Amino acid sequence: MKPGIVAAIIYTGIALIGAGTFLTATTLSGDFDWVARLGGAGWVFLLSMIILMPTITPWVKRRLGRAEAPAQTDHGEQTAHHHI
């Protein structure tokens, strides 16, 4: 499976769990109306997606071994390939 798809499944799942947790917490403990509950859950989902997308995607690519590995010099230092 492609790393991008795996990453999307992971960060979407985490964001949905966070939104569900927020919805459950506000339902069980509080005097909030449904607009506030659903609006808050939506914000938790969107903000989680914004934070998790750029965090999870490179991590998954590294874990699956498909990201471009930096070249090593003779001294064992890692350098990136920069073409000018």
Protein backbone atom coordinates (compact mmCIF):
# COMPACT_ATOMS: atom_id res chain seq x y z
CA MET A 1 0.00 0.00 0.00
CA LYS A 2 1.27 3.51 -0.77
CA PRO A 3 2.70 5.48 2.16
CA GLY A 4 0.38 8.43 1.49
CA ILE A 5 -2.71 6.25 1.81
CA VAL A 6 -1.43 4.60 4.99
CA ALA A 7 -0.65 8.01 6.48
CA ALA A 8 -4.12 9.33 5.55
CA ILE A 9 -5.78 6.37 7.24
CA ILE A 10 -3.71 6.89 10.39
CA TYR A 11 -4.17 10.65 10.79
CA THR A 12 -7.84 10.56 9.84
CA GLY A 13 -8.45 7.78 12.36
CA ILE A 14 -6.67 9.66 15.13
CA ALA A 15 -8.62 12.86 14.33
CA LEU A 16 -11.93 10.95 14.35
CA ILE A 17 -11.07 9.37 17.70
CA GLY A 18 -10.25 12.82 19.10
CA ALA A 19 -13.52 14.29 17.83
CA GLY A 20 -15.46 11.31 19.18
CA THR A 21 -13.76 11.66 22.55
CA PHE A 22 -14.68 15.36 22.67
CA LEU A 23 -18.29 14.57 21.75
CA THR A 24 -18.49 11.84 24.37
CA ALA A 25 -16.95 14.03 27.08
CA THR A 26 -19.35 16.90 26.41
CA THR A 27 -22.32 14.56 26.31
CA LEU A 28 -21.48 12.86 29.61
CA SER A 29 -20.31 15.89 31.58
CA GLY A 30 -21.87 19.18 30.83
CA ASP A 31 -24.91 21.17 29.97
CA PHE A 32 -24.11 21.87 26.33
CA ASP A 33 -26.55 21.95 23.44
CA TRP A 34 -25.97 19.80 20.36
CA VAL A 35 -24.77 22.70 18.22
CA ALA A 36 -21.95 23.38 20.67
CA ARG A 37 -21.09 19.69 20.97
CA LEU A 38 -20.99 19.06 17.23
CA GLY A 39 -19.25 22.36 16.52
CA GLY A 40 -16.58 21.59 19.08
CA ALA A 41 -16.12 18.07 17.75
CA GLY A 42 -15.75 19.53 14.25
CA TRP A 43 -13.07 21.95 15.46
CA VAL A 44 -11.21 19.16 17.23
CA PHE A 45 -11.31 17.08 14.03
CA LEU A 46 -10.13 19.93 11.78
CA LEU A 47 -7.35 21.09 14.08
CA SER A 48 -6.19 17.52 14.61
CA MET A 49 -6.01 17.02 10.85
CA ILE A 50 -4.01 20.24 10.43
CA ILE A 51 -1.51 19.14 13.07
CA LEU A 52 -1.31 15.45 12.16
CA MET A 53 -1.06 15.61 8.34
CA PRO A 54 2.46 17.09 8.17
CA THR A 55 3.55 15.08 11.20
CA ILE A 56 2.35 11.58 10.35
CA THR A 57 3.07 11.55 6.60
CA PRO A 58 6.89 11.81 6.75
CA TRP A 59 6.99 9.42 9.69
CA VAL A 60 5.06 6.78 7.73
CA LYS A 61 7.24 7.29 4.65
CA ARG A 62 10.37 6.73 6.74
CA ARG A 63 8.89 3.70 8.44
CA LEU A 64 7.93 2.11 5.13
CA GLY A 65 11.39 2.84 3.74
CA ARG A 66 10.23 4.69 0.66
CA ALA A 67 11.55 8.15 1.46
CA GLU A 68 14.74 9.28 -0.22
CA ALA A 69 17.59 8.51 2.13
CA PRO A 70 20.36 11.11 2.42
CA ALA A 71 23.72 10.15 0.94
CA GLN A 72 26.66 9.52 3.23
CA THR A 73 30.08 11.10 2.73
CA ASP A 74 33.41 9.38 3.29
CA HIS A 75 33.47 10.71 6.84
CA GLY A 76 30.13 9.13 7.73
CA GLU A 77 28.25 12.41 7.63
CA GLN A 78 24.81 12.57 6.11
CA THR A 79 24.19 15.11 3.40
CA ALA A 80 21.11 15.89 1.36
CA HIS A 81 21.23 15.99 -2.43
CA HIS A 82 20.93 19.61 -3.46
CA HIS A 83 21.19 20.30 -7.16
CA ILE A 84 21.78 23.90 -8.12
